[in-house]
């Protein structure tokens, strides 16, 4: 049997509350709350479709009413696999101020404009008032009559609005701001997030409505709330980037309708989010190839190759312990590679500060970054710029060997398409280098020990 719990129901207006109060929070009448027993959320024996009954043959199941529709951004539809699917749930995470509400409101406005008043779009916000939502819509020039807005923190209000309007798309911004009478505690705690998500998911599957949930993230960048939330939805995407930069990265971490680890680059403008059609060289910017300490890596993020500049600065130190700083990647990788260079190339970095960063504000974590980082450090150390169209990738192990990385043919094809030459890569059938000593001889025409002391004098 379903578990029961006690709630208090107002005899005047029917409002419910978890604790007894002298005054009803709904109608403000006094002494009208009376105890009642009610089953917990999710205790009923309903299926994902909201219908109880006997099992059916899988071959007899039809997909009527499950035809995907466009989000207004063709690139986003491609990343999601099929666009927006009725009855599916999408969880969008990201830091505060990164542009989640802007992007979701753009999608809601386009869908509402396409559907007209046939099936409206419902935008629910627990963080903003209707006036604030209208102000953002005006800035984005969204005037669709089929776009409905609701400002509430009660999930019961959302259920009532969906039942009354039967929207094609339901946007909830955000799931941590809604509360249900079926769970205890304040909005945002584990019980409330689980109860709210369960109610909304079952509601949208019964009404064949696409659900977009906006979720908060913790200080370490993971989605707040129970991990169960990510398992319940069909797609999990994350909007990332530096709020001081004008670009945003949309990553797909889970997708039941398409491939995972997809990447989409947006440019934040006055009219909202705009897709960067070819982000291959977007992060290079206006680079000056005549300066030392810069190298270009052909990185692969998800399934998309990106040409990104790696910068390094080697300068004389005035401290007893030299500084090491990294921006855009793990500083531990910098320490490891410097140790390899000192051991294998007989270099001495004990009297220099070394700073390194990834240009454009992007963050990289793939192992193919190693070879470009080594080249940038040596370029600054010797004060010799790399060839203008040189591109590198490869993993450097602790023995100074250059190891192959994934998506080798994708990187090589993109490098040739963009006209990069020379292409420095791990030794394979296309040729390349096998050690950091080979890199030093190829780009700087130096032996490992004979020129190190002369360059230390140059730096000092």
Protein backbone atom coordinates (compact mmCIF):
# COMPACT_ATOMS: atom_id res chain seq x y z
CA UNK A 1 0.00 0.00 0.00
CA UNK A 2 1.07 3.59 -0.56
CA UNK A 3 2.66 5.27 2.38
CA UNK A 4 0.59 7.93 4.09
CA UNK A 5 1.59 11.19 5.64
CA UNK A 6 -0.32 13.90 7.44
CA UNK A 7 -1.01 17.27 5.89
CA UNK A 8 -3.31 20.10 6.91
CA UNK A 9 -6.09 21.15 4.55
CA UNK A 10 -8.05 24.40 4.73
CA UNK A 11 -11.78 23.80 4.91
CA UNK A 12 -12.41 27.18 3.30
CA UNK A 13 -10.16 27.27 0.23
CA UNK A 14 -8.58 23.80 0.10
CA UNK A 15 -4.98 24.98 0.52
CA UNK A 16 -2.52 22.48 1.98
CA UNK A 17 0.40 22.93 4.35
CA UNK A 18 2.82 20.55 6.05
CA UNK A 19 2.40 22.12 9.52
CA UNK A 20 -0.59 23.40 11.40
CA UNK A 21 -1.02 27.17 11.48
CA UNK A 22 -3.58 29.39 13.06
CA UNK A 23 -4.09 31.28 9.79
CA UNK A 24 -4.49 29.68 6.37
CA UNK A 25 -1.66 30.79 4.03
CA UNK A 26 -4.06 30.77 1.08
CA UNK A 27 -7.26 32.56 2.10
CA UNK A 28 -5.97 34.11 5.36
CA UNK A 29 -8.89 32.66 7.32
CA UNK A 30 -8.32 31.67 10.95
CA UNK A 31 -8.71 28.18 12.47
CA UNK A 32 -9.64 26.51 9.16
CA UNK A 33 -6.75 24.02 8.86
CA UNK A 34 -7.61 20.40 9.67
CA UNK A 35 -5.39 17.28 9.49
CA UNK A 36 -5.82 14.87 6.59
CA UNK A 37 -3.95 11.82 5.32
CA UNK A 38 -2.48 11.86 1.83
CA UNK A 39 -0.22 9.40 -0.05
CA UNK A 40 3.33 10.49 -0.80
CA UNK A 41 4.33 11.64 -4.27
CA UNK A 42 5.33 8.80 -6.55
CA UNK A 43 3.70 6.16 -4.34
CA UNK A 44 0.91 5.44 -6.77
CA UNK A 45 1.46 2.60 -9.18
CA UNK A 46 1.53 4.65 -12.35
CA UNK A 47 3.85 3.94 -15.23
CA UNK A 48 6.05 6.46 -17.05
CA UNK A 49 3.20 7.11 -19.43
CA UNK A 50 0.87 7.83 -16.55
CA UNK A 51 -1.38 4.85 -17.31
CA UNK A 52 -1.70 1.70 -15.23
CA UNK A 53 -2.48 -1.60 -16.91
CA UNK A 54 -1.08 -4.75 -18.43
CA UNK A 55 2.22 -4.92 -20.31
CA UNK A 56 2.02 -4.74 -24.09
CA UNK A 57 4.19 -6.08 -26.88
CA UNK A 58 6.97 -3.68 -27.73
CA UNK A 59 6.30 -4.15 -31.44
CA UNK A 60 2.75 -2.88 -30.92
CA UNK A 61 3.85 0.40 -29.36
CA UNK A 62 3.39 3.39 -31.67
CA UNK A 63 5.28 6.65 -31.66
CA UNK A 64 2.31 8.79 -32.60
CA UNK A 65 2.71 12.33 -31.35
CA UNK A 66 6.46 11.88 -30.77
CA UNK A 67 7.63 13.75 -33.88
CA UNK A 68 10.49 16.12 -32.97
CA UNK A 69 10.20 19.81 -33.71
CA UNK A 70 12.79 22.54 -34.14
CA UNK A 71 14.15 24.76 -31.39
CA UNK A 72 14.87 27.68 -33.72
CA UNK A 73 18.62 26.92 -33.74
CA UNK A 74 19.54 24.32 -36.37
CA UNK A 75 22.92 23.70 -34.73
CA UNK A 76 21.25 23.03 -31.39
CA UNK A 77 18.83 20.59 -33.02
CA UNK A 78 21.80 18.74 -34.52
CA UNK A 79 23.56 18.57 -31.15
CA UNK A 80 20.42 17.30 -29.40
CA UNK A 81 20.00 14.66 -32.08
CA UNK A 82 16.37 15.20 -33.10
CA UNK A 83 15.50 18.66 -31.88
CA UNK A 84 12.86 18.87 -29.16
CA UNK A 85 10.93 15.65 -28.61
CA UNK A 86 7.40 15.74 -27.10
CA UNK A 87 7.35 14.05 -23.71
CA UNK A 88 11.14 14.31 -23.29
CA UNK A 89 12.92 16.12 -20.47
CA UNK A 90 16.06 18.27 -20.89
CA UNK A 91 18.13 19.45 -17.93
CA UNK A 92 20.19 22.61 -18.51
CA UNK A 93 22.89 23.49 -15.98
CA UNK A 94 25.33 26.37 -15.68
CA UNK A 95 26.78 29.02 -13.41
CA UNK A 96 24.75 32.10 -12.42
CA UNK A 97 24.76 34.75 -15.12
CA UNK A 98 26.12 32.46 -17.82
CA UNK A 99 23.04 32.93 -20.04
CA UNK A 100 20.79 29.95 -19.30
CA UNK A 101 17.60 32.02 -19.01
CA UNK A 102 18.45 34.00 -22.14
CA UNK A 103 19.02 30.91 -24.27
CA UNK A 104 15.92 29.11 -22.98
CA UNK A 105 13.73 32.18 -23.50
CA UNK A 106 15.01 32.46 -27.08
CA UNK A 107 14.02 28.85 -27.74
CA UNK A 108 10.64 29.33 -26.07
CA UNK A 109 9.98 32.45 -28.15
CA UNK A 110 10.78 30.71 -31.44
CA UNK A 111 8.65 27.65 -30.67
CA UNK A 112 5.75 29.88 -29.63
CA UNK A 113 6.07 31.92 -32.84
CA UNK A 114 6.09 28.76 -34.97
CA UNK A 115 3.11 27.14 -33.27
CA UNK A 116 1.04 30.29 -32.86
CA UNK A 117 -1.89 29.73 -30.53
CA UNK A 118 -2.37 26.10 -31.61
CA UNK A 119 -0.29 24.84 -28.68
CA UNK A 120 1.29 27.55 -26.50
CA UNK A 121 4.63 27.58 -24.70
CA UNK A 122 4.63 28.00 -20.92
CA UNK A 123 7.64 29.70 -19.27
CA UNK A 124 7.65 29.23 -15.49
CA UNK A 125 10.06 31.19 -13.33
CA UNK A 126 10.58 30.86 -9.62
CA UNK A 127 13.39 33.43 -9.62
CA UNK A 128 11.99 36.38 -11.59
CA UNK A 129 8.78 38.36 -11.67
CA UNK A 130 6.61 38.67 -14.74
CA UNK A 131 7.95 42.18 -15.28
CA UNK A 132 11.53 40.93 -15.36
CA UNK A 133 10.64 38.17 -17.80
CA UNK A 134 8.84 40.69 -20.02
CA UNK A 135 11.87 42.99 -19.93
CA UNK A 136 14.20 40.22 -21.12
CA UNK A 137 11.73 39.23 -23.83
CA UNK A 138 11.61 42.83 -25.06
CA UNK A 139 15.42 43.01 -25.21
CA UNK A 140 15.43 39.80 -27.25
CA UNK A 141 12.55 41.14 -29.40
CA UNK A 142 10.28 38.24 -28.57
CA UNK A 143 6.65 39.13 -29.21
CA UNK A 144 5.04 35.72 -29.75
CA UNK A 145 1.39 35.72 -28.56
CA UNK A 146 1.58 32.02 -27.79
CA UNK A 147 4.29 32.48 -25.13
CA UNK A 148 2.73 32.28 -21.67
CA UNK A 149 4.58 33.20 -18.47
CA UNK A 150 4.01 32.21 -14.88
CA UNK A 151 5.90 33.43 -11.81
CA UNK A 152 5.45 31.04 -8.89
CA UNK A 153 7.33 28.91 -6.40
CA UNK A 154 4.60 26.25 -6.03
CA UNK A 155 4.70 23.22 -8.30
CA UNK A 156 0.93 22.82 -7.82
CA UNK A 157 0.44 26.10 -9.69
CA UNK A 158 2.50 24.71 -12.57
CA UNK A 159 0.40 21.54 -12.68
CA UNK A 160 -2.78 23.58 -12.80
CA UNK A 161 -1.42 25.85 -15.56
CA UNK A 162 -0.29 22.90 -17.70
CA UNK A 163 -3.65 21.20 -17.30
CA UNK A 164 -5.45 24.38 -18.36
CA UNK A 165 -3.27 25.46 -21.31
CA UNK A 166 -1.84 22.10 -22.62
CA UNK A 167 1.49 23.63 -23.76
CA UNK A 168 3.80 22.04 -26.31
CA UNK A 169 6.88 23.19 -24.38
CA UNK A 170 7.21 23.76 -20.65
CA UNK A 171 10.24 25.66 -19.32
CA UNK A 172 10.91 25.66 -15.57
CA UNK A 173 13.55 28.14 -14.39
CA UNK A 174 14.67 26.72 -12.09
CA UNK A 175 13.83 23.37 -10.48
CA UNK A 176 15.58 24.41 -7.24
CA UNK A 177 13.16 27.31 -6.71
CA UNK A 178 9.95 25.27 -6.76
CA UNK A 179 8.45 23.51 -3.76
CA UNK A 180 5.78 20.86 -3.38
CA UNK A 181 3.44 20.13 -0.51
CA UNK A 182 4.26 16.47 -1.07
CA UNK A 183 7.76 16.92 0.39
CA UNK A 184 9.17 18.47 3.50
CA UNK A 185 11.78 21.21 3.79
CA UNK A 186 12.62 24.37 1.91
CA UNK A 187 12.87 24.69 -1.89
CA UNK A 188 16.16 23.38 -3.22
CA UNK A 189 16.79 20.59 -0.73
CA UNK A 190 17.11 17.00 -1.89
CA UNK A 191 13.56 15.96 -1.00
CA UNK A 192 11.96 18.97 -2.67
CA UNK A 193 14.02 18.71 -5.86
CA UNK A 194 13.21 15.01 -6.17
CA UNK A 195 9.49 15.55 -5.54
CA UNK A 196 9.21 18.54 -7.90
CA UNK A 197 11.10 16.78 -10.70
CA UNK A 198 9.00 13.64 -10.35
CA UNK A 199 5.73 15.57 -10.54
CA UNK A 200 6.84 17.59 -13.56
CA UNK A 201 8.23 14.60 -15.45
CA UNK A 202 5.07 12.55 -14.99
CA UNK A 203 2.94 15.55 -15.90
CA UNK A 204 4.78 16.22 -19.16
CA UNK A 205 4.78 12.57 -20.21
CA UNK A 206 1.03 12.36 -19.68
CA UNK A 207 0.40 15.59 -21.60
CA UNK A 208 3.02 14.86 -24.32
CA UNK A 209 4.79 18.09 -23.51
CA UNK A 210 8.53 18.77 -23.79
CA UNK A 211 10.05 19.74 -20.44
CA UNK A 212 13.13 21.96 -20.09
CA UNK A 213 14.45 22.15 -16.53
CA UNK A 214 17.04 24.74 -15.59
CA UNK A 215 19.27 23.56 -12.76
CA UNK A 216 21.71 25.33 -10.44
CA UNK A 217 25.31 24.21 -10.08
CA UNK A 218 27.54 23.95 -7.03
CA UNK A 219 30.81 25.85 -6.56
CA UNK A 220 32.75 23.00 -8.17
CA UNK A 221 30.56 23.13 -11.31
CA UNK A 222 28.40 20.03 -10.77
CA UNK A 223 24.62 20.11 -10.90
CA UNK A 224 23.06 20.78 -7.52
CA UNK A 225 20.53 18.42 -6.02
CA UNK A 226 20.30 14.64 -6.04
CA UNK A 227 22.17 12.66 -8.68
CA UNK A 228 18.88 10.95 -9.37
CA UNK A 229 17.77 14.08 -11.22
CA UNK A 230 20.26 13.47 -14.03
CA UNK A 231 19.12 9.85 -14.34
CA UNK A 232 15.45 10.84 -14.59
CA UNK A 233 15.80 13.22 -17.55
CA UNK A 234 16.55 12.29 -21.16
CA UNK A 235 19.19 14.90 -21.92
CA UNK A 236 21.69 16.76 -19.75
CA UNK A 237 23.44 19.82 -21.18
CA UNK A 238 25.72 22.36 -19.55
CA UNK A 239 26.32 25.97 -20.50
CA UNK A 240 29.88 26.95 -19.68
CA UNK A 241 32.28 29.82 -20.19
CA UNK A 242 33.77 32.87 -18.56
CA UNK A 243 31.19 35.55 -17.81
CA UNK A 244 33.81 38.17 -18.71
CA UNK A 245 34.12 36.67 -22.20
CA UNK A 246 31.57 36.92 -25.03
CA UNK A 247 31.45 33.22 -25.91
CA UNK A 248 29.62 30.31 -24.29
CA UNK A 249 30.11 26.56 -24.68
CA UNK A 250 27.14 24.19 -24.62
CA UNK A 251 28.19 20.61 -23.83
CA UNK A 252 25.97 17.54 -24.00
CA UNK A 253 26.76 15.08 -21.20
CA UNK A 254 23.81 12.72 -21.63
CA UNK A 255 21.50 12.24 -24.57
CA UNK A 256 19.00 9.47 -25.26
CA UNK A 257 18.27 10.83 -28.73
CA UNK A 258 21.77 11.47 -30.08
CA UNK A 259 25.51 11.32 -29.41
CA UNK A 260 27.09 12.45 -26.16
CA UNK A 261 30.02 14.82 -25.69
CA UNK A 262 28.82 17.18 -28.41
CA UNK A 263 29.91 20.81 -28.30
CA UNK A 264 28.26 24.01 -29.49
CA UNK A 265 29.82 27.48 -29.37
CA UNK A 266 27.63 30.55 -28.81
CA UNK A 267 28.48 34.21 -29.03
CA UNK A 268 26.70 36.45 -26.55
CA UNK A 269 25.38 39.54 -28.30
CA UNK A 270 22.77 42.24 -27.88
CA UNK A 271 20.15 39.97 -29.46
CA UNK A 272 20.94 37.02 -27.20
CA UNK A 273 22.85 33.85 -27.99
CA UNK A 274 24.12 33.46 -31.55
CA UNK A 275 25.64 30.21 -32.81
CA UNK A 276 29.22 30.36 -34.08
CA UNK A 277 28.91 28.42 -37.33
CA UNK A 278 32.61 27.53 -37.66
CA UNK A 279 34.38 27.71 -34.29
CA UNK A 280 37.55 26.03 -35.65
CA UNK A 281 39.60 29.23 -35.42
CA UNK A 282 37.23 31.26 -33.23
CA UNK A 283 39.52 31.04 -30.18
CA UNK A 284 42.66 32.14 -32.03
CA UNK A 285 41.49 35.75 -32.25
CA UNK A 286 43.87 38.32 -33.67
CA UNK A 287 47.09 36.51 -32.79
CA UNK A 288 50.54 37.79 -33.72
CA UNK A 289 52.59 34.82 -34.90
CA UNK A 290 55.84 36.83 -34.83
CA UNK A 291 55.95 36.76 -31.02
CA UNK A 292 57.64 34.01 -29.08
CA UNK A 293 55.93 31.90 -26.45
CA UNK A 294 52.82 31.01 -28.49
CA UNK A 295 51.83 27.70 -30.06
CA UNK A 296 48.64 26.47 -31.69
CA UNK A 297 47.10 23.14 -30.66
CA UNK A 298 44.44 21.33 -32.68
CA UNK A 299 42.29 20.26 -29.74
CA UNK A 300 39.23 18.02 -29.93
CA UNK A 301 36.42 18.86 -27.54
CA UNK A 302 33.66 16.31 -27.84
CA UNK A 303 33.54 15.60 -31.58
CA UNK A 304 34.61 19.06 -32.76
CA UNK A 305 38.22 20.06 -33.59
CA UNK A 306 39.24 23.51 -32.38
CA UNK A 307 42.43 25.45 -33.09
CA UNK A 308 43.43 27.08 -29.80
CA UNK A 309 46.49 29.15 -28.93
CA UNK A 310 48.68 28.14 -25.98
CA UNK A 311 50.75 30.96 -24.51
CA UNK A 312 53.76 30.75 -22.20
CA UNK A 313 56.03 33.32 -20.59
CA UNK A 314 59.46 32.46 -19.18
CA UNK A 315 61.11 35.32 -17.30
CA UNK A 316 63.88 35.74 -14.73
CA UNK A 317 62.73 35.31 -11.16
CA UNK A 318 63.62 37.40 -8.11
CA UNK A 319 62.26 34.85 -5.66
CA UNK A 320 63.99 31.96 -3.94
CA UNK A 321 61.19 29.66 -5.15
CA UNK A 322 60.23 30.42 -8.78
CA UNK A 323 56.58 30.88 -9.66
CA UNK A 324 54.52 28.50 -11.75
CA UNK A 325 51.04 29.56 -12.85
CA UNK A 326 48.53 28.07 -15.30
CA UNK A 327 45.23 29.41 -16.59
CA UNK A 328 42.81 27.26 -18.59
CA UNK A 329 44.30 23.89 -17.61
CA UNK A 330 45.55 22.04 -14.54
CA UNK A 331 48.72 23.57 -13.08
CA UNK A 332 49.86 20.06 -12.16
CA UNK A 333 50.28 19.34 -15.87
CA UNK A 334 52.63 22.33 -16.17
CA UNK A 335 54.77 21.09 -13.27
CA UNK A 336 54.94 17.61 -14.78
CA UNK A 337 56.00 18.80 -18.24
CA UNK A 338 58.63 21.16 -16.83
CA UNK A 339 60.13 18.25 -14.90
CA UNK A 340 60.26 16.20 -18.10
CA UNK A 341 62.02 19.03 -19.97
CA UNK A 342 64.58 19.50 -17.22
CA UNK A 343 65.33 15.77 -17.16
CA UNK A 344 65.30 14.96 -20.88
CA UNK A 345 66.60 18.22 -22.39
CA UNK A 346 69.02 19.09 -19.56
CA UNK A 347 67.39 22.50 -19.04
CA UNK A 348 67.44 24.45 -15.80
CA UNK A 349 64.23 26.25 -14.84
CA UNK A 350 65.25 26.97 -11.24
CA UNK A 351 65.95 30.66 -11.96
CA UNK A 352 62.91 31.54 -14.04
CA UNK A 353 59.22 32.12 -13.45
CA UNK A 354 56.96 30.30 -15.90
CA UNK A 355 53.37 31.34 -16.68
CA UNK A 356 51.11 29.55 -19.15
CA UNK A 357 47.53 30.00 -20.29
CA UNK A 358 45.02 28.91 -22.91
CA UNK A 359 44.11 31.81 -25.18
CA UNK A 360 40.53 32.93 -25.64
CA UNK A 361 39.37 32.02 -22.14
CA UNK A 362 38.54 28.40 -22.99
CA UNK A 363 39.48 25.55 -20.63
CA UNK A 364 41.11 22.39 -21.96
CA UNK A 365 41.74 19.08 -20.25
CA UNK A 366 42.63 16.71 -23.09
CA UNK A 367 46.12 15.10 -23.25
CA UNK A 368 46.77 16.41 -26.77
CA UNK A 369 47.54 19.77 -25.18
CA UNK A 370 50.94 18.57 -23.88
CA UNK A 371 53.01 18.97 -27.03
CA UNK A 372 51.79 22.51 -27.75
CA UNK A 373 52.43 23.52 -24.15
CA UNK A 374 56.00 22.20 -24.34
CA UNK A 375 56.55 24.07 -27.62
CA UNK A 376 55.22 27.33 -26.14
CA UNK A 377 57.50 27.04 -23.08
CA UNK A 378 60.58 26.32 -25.23
CA UNK A 379 59.67 29.15 -27.60
CA UNK A 380 59.58 31.64 -24.74
CA UNK A 381 62.69 30.12 -23.12
CA UNK A 382 64.73 30.46 -26.32
CA UNK A 383 62.86 33.64 -27.37
CA UNK A 384 62.29 32.15 -30.82
CA UNK A 385 58.79 32.30 -32.37
CA UNK A 386 57.31 29.20 -33.97
CA UNK A 387 56.47 29.12 -37.70
CA UNK A 388 53.37 31.20 -38.41
CA UNK A 389 51.10 28.29 -39.46
CA UNK A 390 52.58 25.62 -37.19
CA UNK A 391 50.11 23.41 -35.33
CA UNK A 392 50.84 20.70 -32.76
CA UNK A 393 49.16 17.97 -30.74
CA UNK A 394 50.30 14.95 -28.78
CA UNK A 395 50.68 13.55 -25.27
CA UNK A 396 54.05 13.76 -23.50
CA UNK A 397 54.80 10.93 -21.07
CA UNK A 398 57.29 10.97 -18.20
CA UNK A 399 60.07 9.58 -20.41
CA UNK A 400 59.76 12.44 -22.88
CA UNK A 401 58.07 10.25 -25.48
CA UNK A 402 55.29 11.69 -27.66
CA UNK A 403 52.23 9.45 -27.61
CA UNK A 404 49.31 9.46 -30.06
CA UNK A 405 45.96 10.87 -28.95
CA UNK A 406 42.39 10.21 -29.97
CA UNK A 407 40.77 11.56 -33.16
CA UNK A 408 44.12 11.72 -34.98
CA UNK A 409 42.55 11.75 -38.45
CA UNK A 410 40.01 14.40 -37.40
CA UNK A 411 42.77 16.73 -36.18
CA UNK A 412 44.91 16.16 -39.26
CA UNK A 413 42.04 16.73 -41.68
CA UNK A 414 41.04 19.96 -39.96
CA UNK A 415 44.64 21.20 -39.86
CA UNK A 416 45.02 20.63 -43.59
CA UNK A 417 41.67 22.26 -44.32
CA UNK A 418 42.74 25.38 -42.42
CA UNK A 419 46.12 25.48 -44.15
CA UNK A 420 48.37 24.79 -41.18
CA UNK A 421 51.96 23.78 -41.93
CA UNK A 422 54.12 22.32 -40.52
CA UNK A 423 51.90 19.84 -38.67
CA UNK A 424 53.80 18.46 -35.66
CA UNK A 425 52.18 15.30 -34.34
CA UNK A 426 53.10 11.93 -32.81
CA UNK A 427 54.99 9.71 -35.24
CA UNK A 428 52.61 7.63 -37.33
CA UNK A 429 52.09 6.76 -40.96
CA UNK A 430 51.91 10.50 -41.79
CA UNK A 431 55.26 11.23 -40.17
CA UNK A 432 55.96 13.18 -37.03
CA UNK A 433 58.14 13.23 -33.94
CA UNK A 434 58.64 10.68 -31.20
CA UNK A 435 60.38 12.57 -28.36
CA UNK A 436 60.67 16.07 -26.91
CA UNK A 437 64.27 16.08 -28.17
CA UNK A 438 62.92 15.71 -31.71
CA UNK A 439 60.65 18.69 -31.08
CA UNK A 440 63.56 20.78 -29.86
CA UNK A 441 65.69 19.95 -32.91
CA UNK A 442 62.83 20.42 -35.36
CA UNK A 443 61.60 23.82 -34.23
CA UNK A 444 64.61 25.39 -32.56
CA UNK A 445 67.56 23.60 -34.26
CA UNK A 446 69.27 23.06 -30.93
CA UNK A 447 70.93 20.20 -29.09
CA UNK A 448 69.75 19.36 -25.63
CA UNK A 449 72.77 20.51 -23.61
CA UNK A 450 75.02 22.73 -25.74
CA UNK A 451 72.65 25.69 -26.01
CA UNK A 452 70.93 25.58 -22.65
CA UNK A 453 73.59 27.52 -20.77
CA UNK A 454 73.77 30.25 -23.42
CA UNK A 455 70.02 30.79 -23.28
CA UNK A 456 70.03 30.97 -19.50
CA UNK A 457 72.45 33.89 -19.88
CA UNK A 458 70.07 35.49 -22.39
CA UNK A 459 67.17 35.26 -19.95
CA UNK A 460 69.22 36.58 -17.04
